[in-house]
Amino acid sequence: LDSTFSFRDAVLNHLLDCESELQHIGSCLHQTATEDCMDLYGAEANSMPPPFLFTFQSIYSDARLSSIARSLVASTNLPDANMQRLFQKTFAAMSKDGLLSLYDPGEDLYLLVSCNRVLKPFLKRSKGMDDGGFVRPNIPEPFFIRSVPRKRLNELASYLATQQSDSV
């Protein structure tokens, strides 16, 4: 349904835009879940901009994304069913690729596993360091990190190590 990945790109850009607007934990729609999520990767609630948690429905009901999806499936036999399928398949593919994680199935709550708000803070803490350079206890890998390809984590860890050694 999305052979050029144009819809997937639109969804990812929308999620990143939403994340960039979220600067304080107090402005989160899912504040308790956000605090719990940050605890899992060792970040303190007000130490950094929070990760972006959202529901499938909030993305599915977005007018711009629905318009893009509708135009992609307009020529199919069942455009309404295929539009919903496009959203579901896109979420499934992005989850498989480690970009999204189903954070709370009961609430249908997803986490955007972004580099700056999830992966970097986790990698720094998993190596026993924080942004101030203080040594902290290592933390176990949260469930939402498990879907991130190891190669991506290794590359990012190497990059962070290079950055840290350049700043010393």
N, C-alpha and C. Protein backbone atom coordinates (compact mmCIF):
# COMPACT_ATOMS: atom_id res chain seq x y z
N LEU A 1 0.81 -1.21 0.00
CA LEU A 1 0.00 0.00 0.00
C LEU A 1 0.85 1.27 0.00
N ASP A 2 2.04 1.19 0.53
CA ASP A 2 2.92 2.38 0.62
C ASP A 2 4.31 2.02 0.10
N SER A 3 4.38 1.67 -1.17
CA SER A 3 5.63 1.17 -1.75
C SER A 3 6.76 2.20 -1.76
N THR A 4 6.42 3.48 -1.73
CA THR A 4 7.45 4.53 -1.73
C THR A 4 7.77 5.03 -0.32
N PHE A 5 7.10 4.46 0.67
CA PHE A 5 7.27 4.84 2.08
C PHE A 5 6.89 6.30 2.34
N SER A 6 6.13 6.90 1.49
CA SER A 6 5.74 8.30 1.70
C SER A 6 4.83 8.46 2.92
N PHE A 7 3.95 7.49 3.14
CA PHE A 7 3.09 7.57 4.31
C PHE A 7 3.90 7.33 5.58
N ARG A 8 4.77 6.35 5.56
CA ARG A 8 5.62 6.07 6.72
C ARG A 8 6.46 7.31 7.06
N ASP A 9 7.01 7.96 6.06
CA ASP A 9 7.78 9.19 6.30
C ASP A 9 6.91 10.28 6.90
N ALA A 10 5.69 10.41 6.41
CA ALA A 10 4.78 11.43 6.93
C ALA A 10 4.44 11.15 8.40
N VAL A 11 4.20 9.88 8.73
CA VAL A 11 3.91 9.52 10.12
C VAL A 11 5.11 9.82 11.01
N LEU A 12 6.29 9.41 10.58
CA LEU A 12 7.50 9.65 11.38
C LEU A 12 7.76 11.14 11.56
N ASN A 13 7.63 11.92 10.51
CA ASN A 13 7.81 13.37 10.63
C ASN A 13 6.78 13.99 11.56
N HIS A 14 5.55 13.52 11.49
CA HIS A 14 4.50 14.02 12.39
C HIS A 14 4.86 13.71 13.85
N LEU A 15 5.30 12.48 14.10
CA LEU A 15 5.66 12.10 15.47
C LEU A 15 6.85 12.91 15.98
N LEU A 16 7.84 13.13 15.13
CA LEU A 16 9.00 13.93 15.54
C LEU A 16 8.60 15.38 15.80
N ASP A 17 7.68 15.92 14.99
CA ASP A 17 7.18 17.27 15.23
C ASP A 17 6.45 17.35 16.57
N CYS A 18 5.61 16.37 16.85
CA CYS A 18 4.90 16.33 18.13
C CYS A 18 5.89 16.25 19.29
N GLU A 19 6.90 15.41 19.14
CA GLU A 19 7.92 15.27 20.18
C GLU A 19 8.65 16.59 20.42
N SER A 20 8.98 17.29 19.34
CA SER A 20 9.74 18.54 19.48
C SER A 20 8.94 19.63 20.19
N GLU A 21 7.61 19.56 20.12
CA GLU A 21 6.76 20.53 20.81
C GLU A 21 6.65 20.23 22.30
N LEU A 22 6.98 19.02 22.69
CA LEU A 22 6.85 18.58 24.08
C LEU A 22 8.15 18.89 24.82
N GLN A 23 8.12 19.90 25.67
CA GLN A 23 9.35 20.33 26.34
C GLN A 23 9.38 20.01 27.83
N HIS A 24 8.21 19.85 28.46
CA HIS A 24 8.17 19.62 29.91
C HIS A 24 7.21 18.48 30.20
N ILE A 25 7.51 17.73 31.22
CA ILE A 25 6.67 16.59 31.57
C ILE A 25 5.26 17.03 31.96
N GLY A 26 5.11 18.24 32.46
CA GLY A 26 3.80 18.76 32.83
C GLY A 26 2.87 18.95 31.67
N SER A 27 3.41 19.03 30.46
CA SER A 27 2.56 19.22 29.28
C SER A 27 2.25 17.90 28.57
N CYS A 28 2.63 16.78 29.17
CA CYS A 28 2.37 15.47 28.58
C CYS A 28 0.91 15.08 28.78
N LEU A 29 0.32 14.49 27.76
CA LEU A 29 -1.04 13.97 27.90
C LEU A 29 -1.07 12.75 28.80
N HIS A 30 -0.01 11.98 28.81
CA HIS A 30 0.08 10.75 29.58
C HIS A 30 1.21 10.89 30.59
N GLN A 31 1.02 11.80 31.55
CA GLN A 31 2.10 12.21 32.45
C GLN A 31 2.64 11.06 33.30
N THR A 32 1.79 10.27 33.90
CA THR A 32 2.26 9.17 34.75
C THR A 32 3.04 8.15 33.94
N ALA A 33 2.52 7.78 32.78
CA ALA A 33 3.22 6.82 31.92
C ALA A 33 4.56 7.39 31.47
N THR A 34 4.61 8.68 31.19
CA THR A 34 5.85 9.31 30.77
C THR A 34 6.89 9.26 31.89
N GLU A 35 6.47 9.56 33.10
CA GLU A 35 7.39 9.48 34.25
C GLU A 35 7.88 8.06 34.45
N ASP A 36 6.97 7.09 34.33
CA ASP A 36 7.36 5.68 34.48
C ASP A 36 8.35 5.28 33.39
N CYS A 37 8.10 5.74 32.18
CA CYS A 37 8.98 5.44 31.06
C CYS A 37 10.38 5.99 31.31
N MET A 38 10.46 7.22 31.76
CA MET A 38 11.75 7.85 32.03
C MET A 38 12.48 7.10 33.15
N ASP A 39 11.74 6.62 34.14
CA ASP A 39 12.35 5.83 35.21
C ASP A 39 13.01 4.57 34.66
N LEU A 40 12.40 3.96 33.65
CA LEU A 40 12.92 2.72 33.09
C LEU A 40 14.30 2.90 32.46
N TYR A 41 14.56 4.09 31.91
CA TYR A 41 15.90 4.27 31.34
C TYR A 41 16.74 5.26 32.14
N GLY A 42 16.34 5.47 33.39
CA GLY A 42 17.19 6.18 34.33
C GLY A 42 17.21 7.68 34.24
N ALA A 43 16.23 8.28 33.57
CA ALA A 43 16.18 9.75 33.47
C ALA A 43 15.26 10.29 34.55
N GLU A 44 15.64 11.39 35.13
CA GLU A 44 14.79 12.02 36.12
C GLU A 44 13.76 12.89 35.40
N ALA A 45 12.58 12.99 35.99
CA ALA A 45 11.43 13.60 35.32
C ALA A 45 11.70 14.98 34.73
N ASN A 46 12.40 15.83 35.40
CA ASN A 46 12.60 17.19 34.88
C ASN A 46 14.02 17.44 34.41
N SER A 47 14.78 16.37 34.18
CA SER A 47 16.18 16.53 33.79
C SER A 47 16.37 16.75 32.30
N MET A 48 15.33 16.51 31.51
CA MET A 48 15.42 16.61 30.05
C MET A 48 14.02 16.66 29.48
N PRO A 49 13.87 17.06 28.22
CA PRO A 49 12.54 16.97 27.60
C PRO A 49 12.08 15.51 27.60
N PRO A 50 10.81 15.28 27.87
CA PRO A 50 10.33 13.90 28.01
C PRO A 50 10.16 13.19 26.67
N PRO A 51 10.09 11.87 26.72
CA PRO A 51 9.81 11.11 25.50
C PRO A 51 8.36 11.33 25.09
N PHE A 52 8.04 10.99 23.86
CA PHE A 52 6.70 11.21 23.34
C PHE A 52 5.91 9.90 23.38
N LEU A 53 4.85 9.90 24.19
CA LEU A 53 3.92 8.78 24.23
C LEU A 53 2.60 9.23 23.62
N PHE A 54 1.96 8.36 22.87
CA PHE A 54 0.75 8.72 22.13
C PHE A 54 -0.08 7.47 21.87
N THR A 55 -1.34 7.67 21.52
CA THR A 55 -2.20 6.54 21.19
C THR A 55 -2.29 6.37 19.68
N PHE A 56 -2.60 5.16 19.26
CA PHE A 56 -2.83 4.88 17.85
C PHE A 56 -3.94 5.79 17.33
N GLN A 57 -5.00 5.93 18.12
CA GLN A 57 -6.15 6.72 17.69
C GLN A 57 -5.79 8.18 17.44
N SER A 58 -4.88 8.74 18.23
CA SER A 58 -4.49 10.14 18.04
C SER A 58 -3.81 10.34 16.70
N ILE A 59 -3.09 9.34 16.23
CA ILE A 59 -2.42 9.42 14.94
C ILE A 59 -3.41 9.11 13.82
N TYR A 60 -4.24 8.10 14.03
CA TYR A 60 -5.23 7.70 13.04
C TYR A 60 -6.23 8.82 12.75
N SER A 61 -6.53 9.61 13.76
CA SER A 61 -7.52 10.69 13.58
C SER A 61 -6.90 12.01 13.13
N ASP A 62 -5.59 12.04 12.93
CA ASP A 62 -4.94 13.26 12.44
C ASP A 62 -5.38 13.54 11.00
N ALA A 63 -5.90 14.73 10.76
CA ALA A 63 -6.48 15.08 9.46
C ALA A 63 -5.45 14.99 8.32
N ARG A 64 -4.27 15.49 8.56
CA ARG A 64 -3.25 15.49 7.50
C ARG A 64 -2.80 14.08 7.14
N LEU A 65 -2.55 13.26 8.16
CA LEU A 65 -2.15 11.89 7.89
C LEU A 65 -3.28 11.08 7.24
N SER A 66 -4.50 11.32 7.68
CA SER A 66 -5.64 10.64 7.06
C SER A 66 -5.78 11.03 5.60
N SER A 67 -5.54 12.28 5.29
CA SER A 67 -5.61 12.74 3.90
C SER A 67 -4.55 12.06 3.03
N ILE A 68 -3.35 11.96 3.55
CA ILE A 68 -2.28 11.28 2.81
C ILE A 68 -2.63 9.81 2.61
N ALA A 69 -3.10 9.16 3.66
CA ALA A 69 -3.47 7.74 3.57
C ALA A 69 -4.62 7.55 2.59
N ARG A 70 -5.61 8.41 2.67
CA ARG A 70 -6.77 8.32 1.78
C ARG A 70 -6.34 8.43 0.32
N SER A 71 -5.41 9.33 0.03
CA SER A 71 -4.97 9.50 -1.36
C SER A 71 -4.18 8.27 -1.84
N LEU A 72 -3.47 7.61 -0.94
CA LEU A 72 -2.70 6.42 -1.32
C LEU A 72 -3.59 5.21 -1.63
N VAL A 73 -4.73 5.12 -0.95
CA VAL A 73 -5.59 3.95 -1.13
C VAL A 73 -6.86 4.25 -1.93
N ALA A 74 -6.98 5.46 -2.46
CA ALA A 74 -8.21 5.88 -3.16
C ALA A 74 -8.57 4.97 -4.32
N SER A 75 -7.59 4.45 -5.02
CA SER A 75 -7.88 3.64 -6.20
C SER A 75 -8.04 2.15 -5.89
N THR A 76 -7.99 1.76 -4.62
CA THR A 76 -8.16 0.35 -4.27
C THR A 76 -9.64 0.01 -4.19
N ASN A 77 -9.95 -1.29 -4.14
CA ASN A 77 -11.34 -1.74 -4.08
C ASN A 77 -12.05 -1.35 -2.79
N LEU A 78 -11.34 -1.35 -1.70
CA LEU A 78 -11.91 -1.03 -0.38
C LEU A 78 -11.10 0.08 0.29
N PRO A 79 -11.27 1.31 -0.15
CA PRO A 79 -10.41 2.39 0.37
C PRO A 79 -10.50 2.60 1.88
N ASP A 80 -11.69 2.50 2.47
CA ASP A 80 -11.80 2.72 3.92
C ASP A 80 -11.06 1.64 4.70
N ALA A 81 -11.27 0.40 4.32
CA ALA A 81 -10.59 -0.72 5.00
C ALA A 81 -9.08 -0.65 4.76
N ASN A 82 -8.69 -0.29 3.55
CA ASN A 82 -7.26 -0.21 3.23
C ASN A 82 -6.58 0.96 3.92
N MET A 83 -7.34 2.03 4.17
CA MET A 83 -6.75 3.15 4.91
C MET A 83 -6.42 2.71 6.34
N GLN A 84 -7.33 2.00 6.97
CA GLN A 84 -7.07 1.51 8.32
C GLN A 84 -5.92 0.50 8.28
N ARG A 85 -5.91 -0.35 7.28
CA ARG A 85 -4.84 -1.33 7.13
C ARG A 85 -3.49 -0.65 6.95
N LEU A 86 -3.47 0.44 6.19
CA LEU A 86 -2.23 1.19 5.97
C LEU A 86 -1.69 1.72 7.29
N PHE A 87 -2.55 2.30 8.11
CA PHE A 87 -2.12 2.79 9.42
C PHE A 87 -1.58 1.63 10.26
N GLN A 88 -2.32 0.53 10.32
CA GLN A 88 -1.91 -0.60 11.15
C GLN A 88 -0.60 -1.21 10.67
N LYS A 89 -0.47 -1.39 9.37
CA LYS A 89 0.76 -1.98 8.82
C LYS A 89 1.96 -1.05 9.03
N THR A 90 1.72 0.25 8.93
CA THR A 90 2.80 1.22 9.15
C THR A 90 3.26 1.17 10.60
N PHE A 91 2.32 1.13 11.54
CA PHE A 91 2.68 1.02 12.96
C PHE A 91 3.44 -0.27 13.21
N ALA A 92 2.97 -1.37 12.62
CA ALA A 92 3.63 -2.66 12.82
C ALA A 92 5.07 -2.62 12.28
N ALA A 93 5.25 -2.06 11.09
CA ALA A 93 6.60 -1.98 10.50
C ALA A 93 7.51 -1.08 11.31
N MET A 94 6.99 0.05 11.77
CA MET A 94 7.80 0.97 12.56
C MET A 94 8.15 0.35 13.92
N SER A 95 7.26 -0.46 14.47
CA SER A 95 7.55 -1.15 15.72
C SER A 95 8.61 -2.22 15.50
N LYS A 96 8.48 -2.95 14.42
CA LYS A 96 9.47 -3.99 14.11
C LYS A 96 10.86 -3.39 13.90
N ASP A 97 10.91 -2.18 13.33
CA ASP A 97 12.19 -1.51 13.07
C ASP A 97 12.74 -0.77 14.28
N GLY A 98 12.02 -0.82 15.41
CA GLY A 98 12.52 -0.19 16.63
C GLY A 98 12.27 1.31 16.70
N LEU A 99 11.40 1.84 15.85
CA LEU A 99 11.08 3.27 15.90
C LEU A 99 9.94 3.56 16.87
N LEU A 100 9.05 2.58 17.02
CA LEU A 100 7.93 2.69 17.95
C LEU A 100 7.94 1.48 18.86
N SER A 101 7.34 1.64 20.04
CA SER A 101 7.16 0.51 20.93
C SER A 101 5.78 0.63 21.56
N LEU A 102 5.05 -0.48 21.57
CA LEU A 102 3.76 -0.50 22.26
C LEU A 102 4.07 -0.48 23.75
N TYR A 103 3.89 0.67 24.36
CA TYR A 103 4.29 0.88 25.75
C TYR A 103 3.28 0.28 26.72
N ASP A 104 1.98 0.51 26.44
CA ASP A 104 0.92 0.00 27.31
C ASP A 104 -0.22 -0.51 26.44
N PRO A 105 -0.29 -1.84 26.24
CA PRO A 105 -1.33 -2.39 25.37
C PRO A 105 -2.75 -2.08 25.86
N GLY A 106 -2.96 -2.03 27.17
CA GLY A 106 -4.28 -1.74 27.71
C GLY A 106 -4.78 -0.36 27.35
N GLU A 107 -3.88 0.59 27.28
CA GLU A 107 -4.22 1.96 26.92
C GLU A 107 -3.96 2.25 25.45
N ASP A 108 -3.43 1.26 24.72
CA ASP A 108 -3.02 1.43 23.32
C ASP A 108 -2.04 2.60 23.20
N LEU A 109 -1.10 2.63 24.13
CA LEU A 109 -0.14 3.72 24.25
C LEU A 109 1.20 3.32 23.65
N TYR A 110 1.68 4.13 22.72
CA TYR A 110 2.95 3.89 22.03
C TYR A 110 4.00 4.89 22.48
N LEU A 111 5.26 4.47 22.36
CA LEU A 111 6.40 5.32 22.65
C LEU A 111 7.18 5.52 21.36
N LEU A 112 7.50 6.77 21.04
CA LEU A 112 8.42 7.07 19.94
C LEU A 112 9.83 6.85 20.48
N VAL A 113 10.53 5.85 19.96
CA VAL A 113 11.87 5.51 20.44
C VAL A 113 12.87 6.37 19.66
N SER A 114 12.91 7.63 20.05
CA SER A 114 13.76 8.59 19.33
C SER A 114 15.19 8.57 19.87
N CYS A 115 16.08 9.05 19.07
CA CYS A 115 17.49 9.07 19.41
C CYS A 115 17.76 9.97 20.62
N ASN A 116 17.31 11.21 20.56
CA ASN A 116 17.67 12.19 21.59
C ASN A 116 16.94 12.01 22.92
N ARG A 117 15.72 11.50 22.88
CA ARG A 117 14.94 11.44 24.12
C ARG A 117 14.84 10.05 24.73
N VAL A 118 15.26 9.03 23.99
CA VAL A 118 15.19 7.68 24.54
C VAL A 118 16.54 6.97 24.41
N LEU A 119 17.04 6.83 23.20
CA LEU A 119 18.24 6.02 22.98
C LEU A 119 19.49 6.62 23.62
N LYS A 120 19.77 7.90 23.37
CA LYS A 120 20.98 8.50 23.96
C LYS A 120 20.94 8.48 25.49
N PRO A 121 19.83 8.92 26.13
CA PRO A 121 19.82 8.85 27.60
C PRO A 121 19.99 7.43 28.12
N PHE A 122 19.35 6.46 27.45
CA PHE A 122 19.50 5.07 27.88
C PHE A 122 20.95 4.62 27.75
N LEU A 123 21.57 4.87 26.61
CA LEU A 123 22.95 4.41 26.39
C LEU A 123 23.92 5.06 27.37
N LYS A 124 23.72 6.34 27.64
CA LYS A 124 24.60 7.00 28.61
C LYS A 124 24.45 6.37 29.99
N ARG A 125 23.22 6.13 30.40
CA ARG A 125 23.00 5.53 31.73
C ARG A 125 23.41 4.08 31.76
N SER A 126 23.24 3.35 30.63
CA SER A 126 23.61 1.94 30.64
C SER A 126 25.13 1.78 30.73
N LYS A 127 25.85 2.82 30.34
CA LYS A 127 27.31 2.80 30.47
C LYS A 127 27.76 3.38 31.81
N GLY A 128 26.75 3.76 32.64
CA GLY A 128 27.07 4.26 33.97
C GLY A 128 27.40 5.74 34.02
N MET A 129 27.07 6.48 32.97
CA MET A 129 27.35 7.92 32.94
C MET A 129 26.06 8.69 32.76
N ASP A 130 26.06 9.95 33.18
CA ASP A 130 24.94 10.83 32.85
C ASP A 130 25.51 12.06 32.15
N ASP A 131 24.65 13.04 31.83
CA ASP A 131 25.11 14.21 31.08
C ASP A 131 26.17 15.02 31.82
N GLY A 132 26.17 14.96 33.14
CA GLY A 132 27.16 15.70 33.90
C GLY A 132 28.49 14.97 34.01
N GLY A 133 28.57 13.77 33.46
CA GLY A 133 29.80 13.00 33.53
C GLY A 133 29.95 12.22 34.82
N PHE A 134 28.91 12.23 35.65
CA PHE A 134 28.97 11.51 36.92
C PHE A 134 28.72 10.03 36.69
N VAL A 135 29.44 9.21 37.43
CA VAL A 135 29.25 7.77 37.34
C VAL A 135 28.00 7.39 38.12
N ARG A 136 27.13 6.62 37.47
CA ARG A 136 25.91 6.14 38.11
C ARG A 136 25.82 4.64 37.91
N PRO A 137 25.01 3.96 38.69
CA PRO A 137 24.88 2.52 38.51
C PRO A 137 24.31 2.20 37.12
N ASN A 138 24.80 1.10 36.53
CA ASN A 138 24.25 0.66 35.25
C ASN A 138 22.78 0.31 35.43
N ILE A 139 22.02 0.44 34.36
CA ILE A 139 20.59 0.11 34.42
C ILE A 139 20.29 -1.02 33.44
N PRO A 140 19.29 -1.83 33.76
CA PRO A 140 18.92 -2.90 32.84
C PRO A 140 18.21 -2.33 31.60
N GLU A 141 18.23 -3.11 30.55
CA GLU A 141 17.62 -2.68 29.29
C GLU A 141 16.09 -2.71 29.41
N PRO A 142 15.41 -1.58 29.20
CA PRO A 142 13.94 -1.57 29.23
C PRO A 142 13.38 -2.34 28.03
N PHE A 143 12.17 -2.83 28.16
CA PHE A 143 11.56 -3.65 27.11
C PHE A 143 11.50 -2.93 25.77
N PHE A 144 11.35 -1.60 25.76
CA PHE A 144 11.19 -0.89 24.50
C PHE A 144 12.50 -0.70 23.75
N ILE A 145 13.61 -1.02 24.38
CA ILE A 145 14.91 -0.97 23.70
C ILE A 145 15.15 -2.27 22.93
N ARG A 146 14.52 -3.34 23.36
CA ARG A 146 14.78 -4.65 22.75
C ARG A 146 14.45 -4.73 21.26
N SER A 147 13.53 -3.91 20.79
CA SER A 147 13.18 -3.97 19.36
C SER A 147 14.10 -3.11 18.49
N VAL A 148 14.95 -2.32 19.12
CA VAL A 148 15.89 -1.48 18.36
C VAL A 148 17.01 -2.38 17.84
N PRO A 149 17.27 -2.33 16.55
CA PRO A 149 18.35 -3.18 16.01
C PRO A 149 19.68 -2.93 16.73
N ARG A 150 20.37 -4.02 17.08
CA ARG A 150 21.65 -3.93 17.80
C ARG A 150 22.65 -3.07 17.04
N LYS A 151 22.64 -3.18 15.72
CA LYS A 151 23.58 -2.39 14.93
C LYS A 151 23.37 -0.89 15.16
N ARG A 152 22.11 -0.47 15.22
CA ARG A 152 21.81 0.95 15.48
C ARG A 152 22.30 1.36 16.86
N LEU A 153 22.05 0.52 17.85
CA LEU A 153 22.52 0.84 19.21
C LEU A 153 24.04 0.88 19.28
N ASN A 154 24.70 -0.06 18.63
CA ASN A 154 26.16 -0.08 18.64
C ASN A 154 26.75 1.14 17.95
N GLU A 155 26.17 1.53 16.82
CA GLU A 155 26.66 2.72 16.10
C GLU A 155 26.48 3.97 16.96
N LEU A 156 25.32 4.08 17.58
CA LEU A 156 25.06 5.24 18.43
C LEU A 156 25.98 5.23 19.66
N ALA A 157 26.20 4.08 20.24
CA ALA A 157 27.12 3.98 21.39
C ALA A 157 28.53 4.39 20.99
N SER A 158 28.97 3.96 19.80
CA SER A 158 30.31 4.34 19.31
C SER A 158 30.38 5.84 19.09
N TYR A 159 29.35 6.40 18.52
CA TYR A 159 29.29 7.85 18.29
C TYR A 159 29.36 8.61 19.61
N LEU A 160 28.59 8.16 20.60
CA LEU A 160 28.60 8.83 21.91
C LEU A 160 29.96 8.72 22.59
N ALA A 161 30.60 7.56 22.45
CA ALA A 161 31.94 7.38 23.03
C ALA A 161 32.94 8.32 22.36
N THR A 162 32.83 8.47 21.05
CA THR A 162 33.71 9.39 20.32
C THR A 162 33.47 10.82 20.76
N GLN A 163 32.21 11.18 20.90
CA GLN A 163 31.87 12.54 21.37
C GLN A 163 32.45 12.80 22.75
N GLN A 164 32.30 11.81 23.63
CA GLN A 164 32.75 11.98 25.01
C GLN A 164 34.28 12.09 25.05
N SER A 165 34.98 11.29 24.26
CA SER A 165 36.44 11.35 24.27
C SER A 165 36.95 12.64 23.61
N ASP A 166 36.21 13.18 22.64
CA ASP A 166 36.58 14.45 22.02
C ASP A 166 36.39 15.62 22.97
N SER A 167 35.42 15.51 23.90
CA SER A 167 35.15 16.62 24.80
C SER A 167 36.06 16.61 26.03
N VAL A 168 36.80 15.55 26.21
CA VAL A 168 37.68 15.43 27.40
C VAL A 168 38.99 16.11 27.16
